[in-house]
Amino acid sequence: QVQLVESGGGLVQPGGSLKLSCAASGRIFSFTVLGWYRQVPGKQRELVARMTRASTYYAASVEGRFTISRDDARNTVDLQMNSLKPEDTALYLCNVATYTNPAGYWGQGTQVTVSS
């Protein structure tokens, strides 16, 4: 069983930066896919960034601005977000998939609001 807790969200002005972290209670080095998603009320959950052991994927809307990474020492999955835009405002959630749970585990999310 893996439990995930996201942190690092908040209010930031357009053009600013935030770093989100997703802390896992269980070891994540046996993961298959690590992902960050975002959810806006009334809209479908959107994949923002995803990494496997072989590749990394970014949604076109965040390519070049966001970076997903993992820190095995801290047991976290991080999302560095630069040049933030108002349309990046959302609840950000992380997902960790393993061989025994391909659908992955979800955290509760952390709110990011980009506004002047």
Protein backbone atom coordinates (compact mmCIF):
# COMPACT_ATOMS: atom_id res chain seq x y z
CA GLN A 1 0.00 0.00 0.00
CA VAL A 2 1.28 3.45 -0.94
CA GLN A 3 -0.09 6.66 0.54
CA LEU A 4 0.63 9.95 -1.19
CA VAL A 5 0.58 13.48 0.23
CA GLU A 6 1.01 16.47 -2.06
CA SER A 7 2.36 19.83 -0.88
CA GLY A 8 3.78 23.06 -2.24
CA GLY A 9 0.68 24.63 -3.73
CA GLY A 10 -0.43 28.17 -3.09
CA LEU A 11 -1.17 31.55 -4.61
CA VAL A 12 1.37 32.90 -7.09
CA GLN A 13 1.42 35.77 -9.55
CA PRO A 14 1.55 35.13 -13.31
CA GLY A 15 5.12 34.43 -14.36
CA GLY A 16 6.01 33.03 -10.96
CA SER A 17 7.20 29.58 -9.95
CA LEU A 18 6.14 26.83 -7.57
CA LYS A 19 7.56 23.43 -6.75
CA LEU A 20 5.09 20.71 -5.85
CA SER A 21 6.14 17.61 -3.97
CA CYS A 22 4.36 14.30 -3.58
CA ALA A 23 5.60 12.34 -0.57
CA ALA A 24 5.03 8.59 -0.64
CA SER A 25 4.66 6.50 2.50
CA GLY A 26 5.85 3.37 0.74
CA ARG A 27 8.93 3.01 -1.41
CA ILE A 28 8.34 4.23 -4.94
CA PHE A 29 11.48 2.88 -6.55
CA SER A 30 9.40 -0.08 -7.78
CA PHE A 31 7.06 2.26 -9.69
CA THR A 32 6.05 1.80 -13.32
CA VAL A 33 4.66 5.28 -13.96
CA LEU A 34 4.80 8.51 -11.94
CA GLY A 35 2.40 11.25 -12.91
CA TRP A 36 1.08 14.67 -12.05
CA TYR A 37 -2.49 15.57 -13.02
CA ARG A 38 -4.65 18.61 -12.51
CA GLN A 39 -8.34 19.06 -11.97
CA VAL A 40 -10.54 22.11 -12.51
CA PRO A 41 -14.17 21.98 -11.30
CA GLY A 42 -16.46 21.00 -14.14
CA LYS A 43 -13.65 19.68 -16.33
CA GLN A 44 -11.99 16.32 -16.84
CA ARG A 45 -8.84 15.52 -14.93
CA GLU A 46 -5.88 16.39 -17.15
CA LEU A 47 -2.50 14.67 -17.36
CA VAL A 48 0.21 17.29 -16.86
CA ALA A 49 3.42 15.25 -16.78
CA ARG A 50 4.34 11.59 -16.56
CA MET A 51 7.57 9.68 -16.27
CA THR A 52 8.49 6.05 -16.71
CA ARG A 53 11.94 4.55 -16.37
CA ALA A 54 12.46 5.10 -20.09
CA SER A 55 10.75 8.37 -20.94
CA THR A 56 9.07 11.56 -19.82
CA TYR A 57 5.91 13.10 -21.23
CA TYR A 58 4.50 16.60 -20.85
CA ALA A 59 1.19 18.02 -21.95
CA ALA A 60 1.64 20.54 -24.74
CA SER A 61 0.29 23.30 -22.51
CA VAL A 62 3.15 22.90 -19.99
CA GLU A 63 6.02 21.71 -22.21
CA GLY A 64 9.12 23.79 -21.55
CA ARG A 65 7.70 25.27 -18.32
CA PHE A 66 7.17 22.26 -16.04
CA THR A 67 9.64 19.55 -15.03
CA ILE A 68 8.78 16.26 -13.34
CA SER A 69 11.42 14.49 -11.29
CA ARG A 70 11.78 11.94 -8.54
CA ASP A 71 13.97 12.03 -5.49
CA ASP A 72 14.65 8.52 -4.22
CA ALA A 73 16.39 9.80 -1.11
CA ARG A 74 13.34 11.85 -0.09
CA ASN A 75 10.91 9.35 -1.65
CA THR A 76 9.10 12.12 -3.49
CA VAL A 77 7.83 12.93 -6.95
CA ASP A 78 8.28 16.61 -7.67
CA LEU A 79 6.87 19.03 -10.22
CA GLN A 80 8.79 22.25 -10.83
CA MET A 81 6.47 24.79 -12.40
CA ASN A 82 7.90 27.96 -13.96
CA SER A 83 6.36 30.82 -15.93
CA LEU A 84 2.98 30.07 -14.43
CA LYS A 85 -0.15 31.30 -16.18
CA PRO A 86 -3.69 31.88 -14.86
CA GLU A 87 -4.84 28.86 -16.86
CA ASP A 88 -2.54 26.68 -14.73
CA THR A 89 -4.87 27.27 -11.80
CA ALA A 90 -6.13 23.86 -10.62
CA LEU A 91 -5.97 21.18 -7.99
CA TYR A 92 -2.79 19.22 -8.67
CA LEU A 93 -2.70 15.51 -7.85
CA CYS A 94 0.03 12.94 -8.10
CA ASN A 95 -0.34 9.32 -9.13
CA VAL A 96 2.06 6.45 -8.59
CA ALA A 97 1.45 3.24 -10.52
CA THR A 98 3.13 -0.05 -9.70
CA TYR A 99 3.13 -3.54 -11.17
CA THR A 100 0.60 -4.64 -8.55
CA ASN A 101 -1.58 -1.54 -8.99
CA PRO A 102 -1.47 -0.37 -12.61
CA ALA A 103 -4.24 2.18 -12.03
CA GLY A 104 -2.02 3.79 -9.44
CA TYR A 105 -2.45 5.43 -6.05
CA TRP A 106 -3.77 8.98 -5.69
CA GLY A 107 -3.11 11.73 -3.21
CA GLN A 108 -5.63 14.34 -2.06
CA GLY A 109 -4.10 17.11 -4.14
CA THR A 110 -2.66 20.57 -3.57
CA GLN A 111 -4.30 23.74 -4.87
CA VAL A 112 -2.41 26.06 -7.20
CA THR A 113 -3.86 29.48 -7.93
CA VAL A 114 -2.19 31.82 -10.42
CA SER A 115 -3.58 35.30 -10.14
CA SER A 116 -2.48 38.91 -9.88
